[in-house]
Protein backbone atom coordinates (compact mmCIF):
# COMPACT_ATOMS: atom_id res chain seq x y z
CA UNK A 1 -12.63 11.80 4.34
CA UNK A 2 -8.98 12.36 5.24
CA UNK A 3 -9.13 16.07 4.43
CA UNK A 4 -12.37 16.53 6.37
CA UNK A 5 -10.99 14.70 9.41
CA UNK A 6 -7.79 16.76 9.28
CA UNK A 7 -9.78 19.97 9.00
CA UNK A 8 -12.05 18.99 11.88
CA UNK A 9 -9.11 18.24 14.20
CA UNK A 10 -6.68 20.98 13.20
CA UNK A 11 -7.30 23.00 16.37
CA UNK A 12 -6.86 19.84 18.46
CA UNK A 13 -3.35 19.53 16.96
CA UNK A 14 -4.15 16.03 15.71
CA UNK A 15 -2.50 14.97 12.47
CA UNK A 16 -4.59 12.99 10.02
CA UNK A 17 -2.87 11.13 7.18
CA UNK A 18 -4.11 8.70 4.59
CA UNK A 19 -2.12 6.00 2.86
CA UNK A 20 -3.46 5.07 -0.55
CA UNK A 21 -1.79 1.72 -1.08
CA UNK A 22 -1.48 0.32 -4.57
CA UNK A 23 -1.02 -3.27 -5.60
CA UNK A 24 1.20 -4.89 -2.97
CA UNK A 25 3.16 -8.12 -3.15
CA UNK A 26 2.08 -10.13 -0.10
CA UNK A 27 1.95 -13.87 0.58
CA UNK A 28 -1.84 -13.79 0.31
CA UNK A 29 -1.69 -11.92 -3.01
CA UNK A 30 0.74 -14.50 -4.41
CA UNK A 31 -1.63 -17.35 -3.49
CA UNK A 32 -4.69 -15.54 -4.81
CA UNK A 33 -3.12 -14.61 -8.15
CA UNK A 34 -1.30 -17.88 -8.80
CA UNK A 35 -3.81 -20.40 -7.47
CA UNK A 36 -7.24 -18.88 -6.86
CA UNK A 37 -7.31 -16.79 -10.03
CA UNK A 38 -5.28 -19.35 -11.99
CA UNK A 39 -2.62 -16.98 -13.35
CA UNK A 40 0.18 -19.43 -12.55
CA UNK A 41 3.63 -18.74 -11.14
CA UNK A 42 4.57 -16.21 -13.85
CA UNK A 43 1.86 -13.71 -12.93
CA UNK A 44 4.26 -11.58 -10.87
CA UNK A 45 6.46 -10.74 -13.86
CA UNK A 46 3.48 -9.44 -15.82
CA UNK A 47 2.17 -7.58 -12.77
CA UNK A 48 5.54 -5.95 -12.12
CA UNK A 49 5.81 -4.84 -15.76
CA UNK A 50 2.40 -3.17 -15.59
CA UNK A 51 3.34 -0.92 -12.66
CA UNK A 52 4.73 2.62 -13.00
CA UNK A 53 7.94 1.79 -11.08
CA UNK A 54 8.27 -1.62 -12.69
CA UNK A 55 7.30 -3.61 -9.60
CA UNK A 56 4.57 -4.15 -7.04
CA UNK A 57 4.89 -2.50 -3.65
CA UNK A 58 6.48 -4.49 -0.86
CA UNK A 59 4.63 -4.84 2.43
CA UNK A 60 7.60 -3.46 4.39
CA UNK A 61 7.51 -0.28 2.27
CA UNK A 62 3.93 0.34 3.33
CA UNK A 63 4.80 -0.44 6.95
CA UNK A 64 7.77 1.94 6.84
CA UNK A 65 5.52 4.72 5.53
CA UNK A 66 3.01 4.12 8.34
CA UNK A 67 5.79 4.22 10.95
CA UNK A 68 7.15 7.44 9.47
CA UNK A 69 3.72 9.09 9.54
CA UNK A 70 3.29 8.06 13.16
CA UNK A 71 6.66 9.42 14.30
CA UNK A 72 7.44 12.97 15.39
CA UNK A 73 9.80 13.53 12.46
């Protein structure tokens, strides 16, 4: 979808980017994992260990990427 949209708008000089966000540590995710799914307070350590960089993404990292893609840089 991203590639097709970028191709369709290339002559309009419109940039099209996609952000494929992985597992992100958010307040809602903490509640869902610990309480709703019943994994308890230690779920984050196991989740972090299972990720390629050793931790979940932070919401501000995703936001910073979006801001960068929207800027002229």
